[in-house]
PDB file of N, CA and C in Angstrom:
ATOM      1  N   UNK A   1      27.921 -20.844  13.142  1.00  0.00           N
ATOM      2  CA  UNK A   1      28.648 -19.748  12.583  1.00  0.00           C
ATOM      3  C   UNK A   1      29.006 -20.011  11.127  1.00  0.00           C
ATOM      4  N   UNK A   2      29.353 -21.262  10.820  1.00  0.00           N
ATOM      5  CA  UNK A   2      29.697 -21.604   9.437  1.00  0.00           C
ATOM      6  C   UNK A   2      28.515 -21.392   8.504  1.00  0.00           C
ATOM      7  N   UNK A   3      27.323 -21.767   8.961  1.00  0.00           N
ATOM      8  CA  UNK A   3      26.123 -21.582   8.145  1.00  0.00           C
ATOM      9  C   UNK A   3      25.867 -20.097   7.889  1.00  0.00           C
ATOM     10  N   UNK A   4      26.023 -19.280   8.896  1.00  0.00           N
ATOM     11  CA  UNK A   4      25.835 -17.841   8.734  1.00  0.00           C
ATOM     12  C   UNK A   4      26.802 -17.289   7.686  1.00  0.00           C
ATOM     13  N   UNK A   5      28.061 -17.673   7.769  1.00  0.00           N
ATOM     14  CA  UNK A   5      29.059 -17.207   6.793  1.00  0.00           C
ATOM     15  C   UNK A   5      28.681 -17.659   5.380  1.00  0.00           C
ATOM     16  N   UNK A   6      28.161 -18.859   5.255  1.00  0.00           N
ATOM     17  CA  UNK A   6      27.734 -19.386   3.957  1.00  0.00           C
ATOM     18  C   UNK A   6      26.554 -18.600   3.404  1.00  0.00           C
ATOM     19  N   UNK A   7      25.548 -18.380   4.228  1.00  0.00           N
ATOM     20  CA  UNK A   7      24.307 -17.730   3.787  1.00  0.00           C
ATOM     21  C   UNK A   7      24.532 -16.282   3.395  1.00  0.00           C
ATOM     22  N   UNK A   8      25.417 -15.589   4.055  1.00  0.00           N
ATOM     23  CA  UNK A   8      25.587 -14.170   3.749  1.00  0.00           C
ATOM     24  C   UNK A   8      26.397 -13.916   2.475  1.00  0.00           C
ATOM     25  N   UNK A   9      26.939 -14.937   1.878  1.00  0.00           N
ATOM     26  CA  UNK A   9      27.655 -14.778   0.613  1.00  0.00           C
ATOM     27  C   UNK A   9      26.632 -14.592  -0.508  1.00  0.00           C
ATOM     28  N   UNK A  10      26.789 -13.561  -1.336  1.00  0.00           N
ATOM     29  CA  UNK A  10      25.792 -13.247  -2.372  1.00  0.00           C
ATOM     30  C   UNK A  10      25.448 -14.423  -3.285  1.00  0.00           C
ATOM     31  N   UNK A  11      26.433 -15.227  -3.631  1.00  0.00           N
ATOM     32  CA  UNK A  11      26.143 -16.344  -4.545  1.00  0.00           C
ATOM     33  C   UNK A  11      25.256 -17.411  -3.908  1.00  0.00           C
ATOM     34  N   UNK A  12      25.133 -17.407  -2.592  1.00  0.00           N
ATOM     35  CA  UNK A  12      24.270 -18.365  -1.898  1.00  0.00           C
ATOM     36  C   UNK A  12      22.997 -17.706  -1.382  1.00  0.00           C
ATOM     37  N   UNK A  13      23.099 -16.499  -0.882  1.00  0.00           N
ATOM     38  CA  UNK A  13      21.950 -15.866  -0.240  1.00  0.00           C
ATOM     39  C   UNK A  13      20.796 -15.639  -1.206  1.00  0.00           C
ATOM     40  N   UNK A  14      21.069 -15.457  -2.483  1.00  0.00           N
ATOM     41  CA  UNK A  14      19.994 -15.259  -3.463  1.00  0.00           C
ATOM     42  C   UNK A  14      19.080 -16.484  -3.524  1.00  0.00           C
ATOM     43  N   UNK A  15      19.635 -17.666  -3.353  1.00  0.00           N
ATOM     44  CA  UNK A  15      18.825 -18.883  -3.383  1.00  0.00           C
ATOM     45  C   UNK A  15      17.922 -18.980  -2.153  1.00  0.00           C
ATOM     46  N   UNK A  16      18.433 -18.558  -1.014  1.00  0.00           N
ATOM     47  CA  UNK A  16      17.621 -18.563   0.202  1.00  0.00           C
ATOM     48  C   UNK A  16      16.505 -17.519   0.116  1.00  0.00           C
ATOM     49  N   UNK A  17      16.813 -16.371  -0.447  1.00  0.00           N
ATOM     50  CA  UNK A  17      15.795 -15.338  -0.628  1.00  0.00           C
ATOM     51  C   UNK A  17      14.713 -15.829  -1.586  1.00  0.00           C
ATOM     52  N   UNK A  18      15.107 -16.467  -2.670  1.00  0.00           N
ATOM     53  CA  UNK A  18      14.135 -16.993  -3.630  1.00  0.00           C
ATOM     54  C   UNK A  18      13.263 -18.079  -3.002  1.00  0.00           C
ATOM     55  N   UNK A  19      13.866 -18.937  -2.199  1.00  0.00           N
ATOM     56  CA  UNK A  19      13.097 -19.991  -1.526  1.00  0.00           C
ATOM     57  C   UNK A  19      12.099 -19.381  -0.550  1.00  0.00           C
ATOM     58  N   UNK A  20      12.504 -18.334   0.148  1.00  0.00           N
ATOM     59  CA  UNK A  20      11.601 -17.666   1.086  1.00  0.00           C
ATOM     60  C   UNK A  20      10.427 -17.032   0.352  1.00  0.00           C
ATOM     61  N   UNK A  21      10.702 -16.397  -0.777  1.00  0.00           N
ATOM     62  CA  UNK A  21       9.621 -15.783  -1.555  1.00  0.00           C
ATOM     63  C   UNK A  21       8.681 -16.850  -2.114  1.00  0.00           C
ATOM     64  N   UNK A  22       9.214 -17.987  -2.536  1.00  0.00           N
ATOM     65  CA  UNK A  22       8.380 -19.079  -3.037  1.00  0.00           C
ATOM     66  C   UNK A  22       7.467 -19.597  -1.931  1.00  0.00           C
ATOM     67  N   UNK A  23       8.011 -19.747  -0.732  1.00  0.00           N
ATOM     68  CA  UNK A  23       7.221 -20.225   0.399  1.00  0.00           C
ATOM     69  C   UNK A  23       6.096 -19.245   0.709  1.00  0.00           C
ATOM     70  N   UNK A  24       6.380 -17.956   0.699  1.00  0.00           N
ATOM     71  CA  UNK A  24       5.352 -16.947   0.939  1.00  0.00           C
ATOM     72  C   UNK A  24       4.274 -16.991  -0.145  1.00  0.00           C
ATOM     73  N   UNK A  25       4.690 -17.074  -1.389  1.00  0.00           N
ATOM     74  CA  UNK A  25       3.734 -17.112  -2.499  1.00  0.00           C
ATOM     75  C   UNK A  25       2.848 -18.351  -2.403  1.00  0.00           C
ATOM     76  N   UNK A  26       3.437 -19.488  -2.107  1.00  0.00           N
ATOM     77  CA  UNK A  26       2.651 -20.725  -1.998  1.00  0.00           C
ATOM     78  C   UNK A  26       1.629 -20.644  -0.865  1.00  0.00           C
ATOM     79  N   UNK A  27       2.022 -20.033   0.245  1.00  0.00           N
ATOM     80  CA  UNK A  27       1.113 -19.938   1.393  1.00  0.00           C
ATOM     81  C   UNK A  27      -0.034 -18.956   1.129  1.00  0.00           C
ATOM     82  N   UNK A  28       0.227 -17.875   0.418  1.00  0.00           N
ATOM     83  CA  UNK A  28      -0.764 -16.812   0.219  1.00  0.00           C
ATOM     84  C   UNK A  28      -1.615 -16.976  -1.041  1.00  0.00           C
ATOM     85  N   UNK A  29      -1.215 -17.787  -1.988  1.00  0.00           N
ATOM     86  CA  UNK A  29      -1.944 -17.837  -3.264  1.00  0.00           C
ATOM     87  C   UNK A  29      -3.367 -18.362  -3.133  1.00  0.00           C
ATOM     88  N   UNK A  30      -3.697 -19.021  -2.047  1.00  0.00           N
ATOM     89  CA  UNK A  30      -5.090 -19.460  -1.825  1.00  0.00           C
ATOM     90  C   UNK A  30      -5.994 -18.293  -1.471  1.00  0.00           C
ATOM     91  N   UNK A  31      -5.417 -17.189  -1.008  1.00  0.00           N
ATOM     92  CA  UNK A  31      -6.186 -16.043  -0.541  1.00  0.00           C
ATOM     93  C   UNK A  31      -6.180 -14.863  -1.505  1.00  0.00           C
ATOM     94  N   UNK A  32      -5.118 -14.749  -2.311  1.00  0.00           N
ATOM     95  CA  UNK A  32      -4.924 -13.584  -3.171  1.00  0.00           C
ATOM     96  C   UNK A  32      -4.364 -14.038  -4.508  1.00  0.00           C
ATOM     97  N   UNK A  33      -4.830 -13.419  -5.588  1.00  0.00           N
ATOM     98  CA  UNK A  33      -4.271 -13.704  -6.904  1.00  0.00           C
ATOM     99  C   UNK A  33      -2.944 -12.953  -7.034  1.00  0.00           C
ATOM    100  N   UNK A  34      -1.857 -13.644  -6.775  1.00  0.00           N
ATOM    101  CA  UNK A  34      -0.540 -13.012  -6.786  1.00  0.00           C
ATOM    102  C   UNK A  34      -0.053 -12.691  -8.195  1.00  0.00           C
ATOM    103  N   UNK A  35      -0.705 -13.256  -9.202  1.00  0.00           N
ATOM    104  CA  UNK A  35      -0.358 -12.896 -10.584  1.00  0.00           C
ATOM    105  C   UNK A  35      -0.711 -11.446 -10.867  1.00  0.00           C
ATOM    106  N   UNK A  36      -1.757 -10.965 -10.226  1.00  0.00           N
ATOM    107  CA  UNK A  36      -2.169  -9.579 -10.440  1.00  0.00           C
ATOM    108  C   UNK A  36      -1.698  -8.652  -9.324  1.00  0.00           C
ATOM    109  N   UNK A  37      -1.140  -9.226  -8.253  1.00  0.00           N
ATOM    110  CA  UNK A  37      -0.669  -8.420  -7.121  1.00  0.00           C
ATOM    111  C   UNK A  37       0.713  -8.880  -6.658  1.00  0.00           C
ATOM    112  N   UNK A  38       1.738  -8.828  -7.518  1.00  0.00           N
ATOM    113  CA  UNK A  38       3.073  -9.289  -7.105  1.00  0.00           C
ATOM    114  C   UNK A  38       3.667  -8.454  -5.975  1.00  0.00           C
ATOM    115  N   UNK A  39       3.168  -7.225  -5.803  1.00  0.00           N
ATOM    116  CA  UNK A  39       3.688  -6.376  -4.731  1.00  0.00           C
ATOM    117  C   UNK A  39       3.398  -6.947  -3.344  1.00  0.00           C
ATOM    118  N   UNK A  40       2.439  -7.865  -3.257  1.00  0.00           N
ATOM    119  CA  UNK A  40       2.124  -8.484  -1.966  1.00  0.00           C
ATOM    120  C   UNK A  40       3.282  -9.392  -1.526  1.00  0.00           C
ATOM    121  N   UNK A  41       3.839 -10.162  -2.438  1.00  0.00           N
ATOM    122  CA  UNK A  41       4.960 -11.040  -2.073  1.00  0.00           C
ATOM    123  C   UNK A  41       6.155 -10.214  -1.618  1.00  0.00           C
ATOM    124  N   UNK A  42       6.456  -9.132  -2.338  1.00  0.00           N
ATOM    125  CA  UNK A  42       7.590  -8.307  -1.924  1.00  0.00           C
ATOM    126  C   UNK A  42       7.317  -7.597  -0.603  1.00  0.00           C
ATOM    127  N   UNK A  43       6.082  -7.239  -0.351  1.00  0.00           N
ATOM    128  CA  UNK A  43       5.737  -6.646   0.944  1.00  0.00           C
ATOM    129  C   UNK A  43       5.923  -7.676   2.052  1.00  0.00           C
ATOM    130  N   UNK A  44       5.412  -8.888   1.848  1.00  0.00           N
ATOM    131  CA  UNK A  44       5.523  -9.933   2.858  1.00  0.00           C
ATOM    132  C   UNK A  44       6.970 -10.275   3.173  1.00  0.00           C
ATOM    133  N   UNK A  45       7.807 -10.276   2.164  1.00  0.00           N
ATOM    134  CA  UNK A  45       9.213 -10.615   2.361  1.00  0.00           C
ATOM    135  C   UNK A  45       9.876  -9.676   3.374  1.00  0.00           C
ATOM    136  N   UNK A  46       9.430  -8.442   3.413  1.00  0.00           N
ATOM    137  CA  UNK A  46      10.043  -7.448   4.281  1.00  0.00           C
ATOM    138  C   UNK A  46       9.325  -7.250   5.613  1.00  0.00           C
ATOM    139  N   UNK A  47       8.275  -7.985   5.869  1.00  0.00           N
ATOM    140  CA  UNK A  47       7.553  -7.876   7.138  1.00  0.00           C
ATOM    141  C   UNK A  47       8.064  -8.896   8.149  1.00  0.00           C
ATOM    142  N   UNK A  48       7.946  -8.595   9.438  1.00  0.00           N
ATOM    143  CA  UNK A  48       8.278  -9.618  10.447  1.00  0.00           C
ATOM    144  C   UNK A  48       7.271 -10.773  10.378  1.00  0.00           C
ATOM    145  N   UNK A  49       7.693 -11.950  10.796  1.00  0.00           N
ATOM    146  CA  UNK A  49       6.858 -13.151  10.672  1.00  0.00           C
ATOM    147  C   UNK A  49       5.494 -13.015  11.328  1.00  0.00           C
ATOM    148  N   UNK A  50       5.379 -12.280  12.431  1.00  0.00           N
ATOM    149  CA  UNK A  50       4.086 -12.176  13.112  1.00  0.00           C
ATOM    150  C   UNK A  50       3.076 -11.335  12.326  1.00  0.00           C
ATOM    151  N   UNK A  51       3.489 -10.701  11.255  1.00  0.00           N
ATOM    152  CA  UNK A  51       2.590  -9.888  10.418  1.00  0.00           C
ATOM    153  C   UNK A  51       2.215 -10.596   9.119  1.00  0.00           C
ATOM    154  N   UNK A  52       2.549 -11.880   8.989  1.00  0.00           N
ATOM    155  CA  UNK A  52       2.372 -12.591   7.727  1.00  0.00           C
ATOM    156  C   UNK A  52       1.248 -13.625   7.741  1.00  0.00           C
ATOM    157  N   UNK A  53       0.208 -13.395   8.510  1.00  0.00           N
ATOM    158  CA  UNK A  53      -0.902 -14.342   8.539  1.00  0.00           C
ATOM    159  C   UNK A  53      -1.778 -14.115   7.306  1.00  0.00           C
ATOM    160  N   UNK A  54      -1.992 -15.140   6.478  1.00  0.00           N
ATOM    161  CA  UNK A  54      -2.786 -14.969   5.260  1.00  0.00           C
ATOM    162  C   UNK A  54      -4.205 -14.492   5.544  1.00  0.00           C
ATOM    163  N   UNK A  55      -4.669 -13.604   4.690  1.00  0.00           N
ATOM    164  CA  UNK A  55      -6.048 -13.120   4.732  1.00  0.00           C
ATOM    165  C   UNK A  55      -6.406 -12.613   3.337  1.00  0.00           C
ATOM    166  N   UNK A  56      -7.653 -12.341   3.103  1.00  0.00           N
ATOM    167  CA  UNK A  56      -8.146 -12.019   1.769  1.00  0.00           C
ATOM    168  C   UNK A  56      -7.994 -10.587   1.309  1.00  0.00           C
ATOM    169  N   UNK A  57      -7.506  -9.686   2.159  1.00  0.00           N
ATOM    170  CA  UNK A  57      -7.409  -8.291   1.740  1.00  0.00           C
ATOM    171  C   UNK A  57      -6.053  -7.673   2.119  1.00  0.00           C
ATOM    172  N   UNK A  58      -4.947  -8.265   1.644  1.00  0.00           N
ATOM    173  CA  UNK A  58      -3.645  -7.695   1.985  1.00  0.00           C
ATOM    174  C   UNK A  58      -3.395  -6.401   1.210  1.00  0.00           C
ATOM    175  N   UNK A  59      -2.638  -5.521   1.811  1.00  0.00           N
ATOM    176  CA  UNK A  59      -2.281  -4.257   1.173  1.00  0.00           C
ATOM    177  C   UNK A  59      -0.761  -4.152   1.100  1.00  0.00           C
ATOM    178  N   UNK A  60      -0.238  -3.705  -0.017  1.00  0.00           N
ATOM    179  CA  UNK A  60       1.215  -3.568  -0.128  1.00  0.00           C
ATOM    180  C   UNK A  60       1.721  -2.381   0.677  1.00  0.00           C
ATOM    181  N   UNK A  61       2.960  -2.478   1.131  1.00  0.00           N
ATOM    182  CA  UNK A  61       3.585  -1.322   1.754  1.00  0.00           C
ATOM    183  C   UNK A  61       4.444  -0.604   0.710  1.00  0.00           C
ATOM    184  N   UNK A  62       5.090   0.460   1.120  1.00  0.00           N
ATOM    185  CA  UNK A  62       5.872   1.272   0.185  1.00  0.00           C
ATOM    186  C   UNK A  62       6.992   0.463  -0.465  1.00  0.00           C
ATOM    187  N   UNK A  63       7.668  -0.356   0.325  1.00  0.00           N
ATOM    188  CA  UNK A  63       8.771  -1.165  -0.214  1.00  0.00           C
ATOM    189  C   UNK A  63       8.249  -2.208  -1.197  1.00  0.00           C
ATOM    190  N   UNK A  64       7.149  -2.827  -0.893  1.00  0.00           N
ATOM    191  CA  UNK A  64       6.564  -3.803  -1.802  1.00  0.00           C
ATOM    192  C   UNK A  64       6.187  -3.183  -3.140  1.00  0.00           C
ATOM    193  N   UNK A  65       5.620  -1.997  -3.104  1.00  0.00           N
ATOM    194  CA  UNK A  65       5.276  -1.285  -4.339  1.00  0.00           C
ATOM    195  C   UNK A  65       6.525  -0.915  -5.139  1.00  0.00           C
ATOM    196  N   UNK A  66       7.558  -0.462  -4.441  1.00  0.00           N
ATOM    197  CA  UNK A  66       8.793  -0.099  -5.118  1.00  0.00           C
ATOM    198  C   UNK A  66       9.389  -1.299  -5.850  1.00  0.00           C
ATOM    199  N   UNK A  67       9.450  -2.419  -5.167  1.00  0.00           N
ATOM    200  CA  UNK A  67      10.009  -3.623  -5.781  1.00  0.00           C
ATOM    201  C   UNK A  67       9.176  -4.049  -6.981  1.00  0.00           C
ATOM    202  N   UNK A  68       7.868  -4.051  -6.816  1.00  0.00           N
ATOM    203  CA  UNK A  68       6.990  -4.465  -7.918  1.00  0.00           C
ATOM    204  C   UNK A  68       7.157  -3.576  -9.135  1.00  0.00           C
ATOM    205  N   UNK A  69       7.243  -2.285  -8.918  1.00  0.00           N
ATOM    206  CA  UNK A  69       7.320  -1.362 -10.053  1.00  0.00           C
ATOM    207  C   UNK A  69       8.703  -1.307 -10.684  1.00  0.00           C
ATOM    208  N   UNK A  70       9.745  -1.434  -9.903  1.00  0.00           N
ATOM    209  CA  UNK A  70      11.099  -1.312 -10.439  1.00  0.00           C
ATOM    210  C   UNK A  70      11.708  -2.656 -10.814  1.00  0.00           C
ATOM    211  N   UNK A  71      11.710  -3.590  -9.886  1.00  0.00           N
ATOM    212  CA  UNK A  71      12.482  -4.803 -10.079  1.00  0.00           C
ATOM    213  C   UNK A  71      11.749  -5.879 -10.880  1.00  0.00           C
ATOM    214  N   UNK A  72      10.456  -6.049 -10.685  1.00  0.00           N
ATOM    215  CA  UNK A  72       9.735  -7.052 -11.462  1.00  0.00           C
ATOM    216  C   UNK A  72       9.755  -6.702 -12.938  1.00  0.00           C
ATOM    217  N   UNK A  73       9.674  -5.435 -13.231  1.00  0.00           N
ATOM    218  CA  UNK A  73       9.742  -4.984 -14.620  1.00  0.00           C
ATOM    219  C   UNK A  73      11.078  -5.376 -15.244  1.00  0.00           C
ATOM    220  N   UNK A  74      12.154  -5.153 -14.513  1.00  0.00           N
ATOM    221  CA  UNK A  74      13.480  -5.539 -14.999  1.00  0.00           C
ATOM    222  C   UNK A  74      13.591  -7.050 -15.158  1.00  0.00           C
ATOM    223  N   UNK A  75      13.044  -7.791 -14.218  1.00  0.00           N
ATOM    224  CA  UNK A  75      13.128  -9.248 -14.277  1.00  0.00           C
ATOM    225  C   UNK A  75      12.406  -9.806 -15.494  1.00  0.00           C
ATOM    226  N   UNK A  76      11.311  -9.216 -15.867  1.00  0.00           N
ATOM    227  CA  UNK A  76      10.558  -9.671 -17.040  1.00  0.00           C
ATOM    228  C   UNK A  76      11.319  -9.426 -18.330  1.00  0.00           C
ATOM    229  N   UNK A  77      12.102  -8.344 -18.355  1.00  0.00           N
ATOM    230  CA  UNK A  77      12.887  -8.031 -19.544  1.00  0.00           C
ATOM    231  C   UNK A  77      14.009  -9.020 -19.688  1.00  0.00           C
TER     232      UNK A  77
END
């Protein structure tokens, strides 16, 4: 219970989210050029684990596209 309370605090949860995205990117970069398809990482982040098996032709979902177009642009600025 203590760990749950710790993780749900915004100042901590951002680090766990970033670590999860890094793990996804590291696992998938052998199959897809994530530099040209960042929407794949954001799509994977929002999928259940059983849908995250790496393959060579991933397609972004609506949420992944939204994040790529809105938030990555802001992050670069």
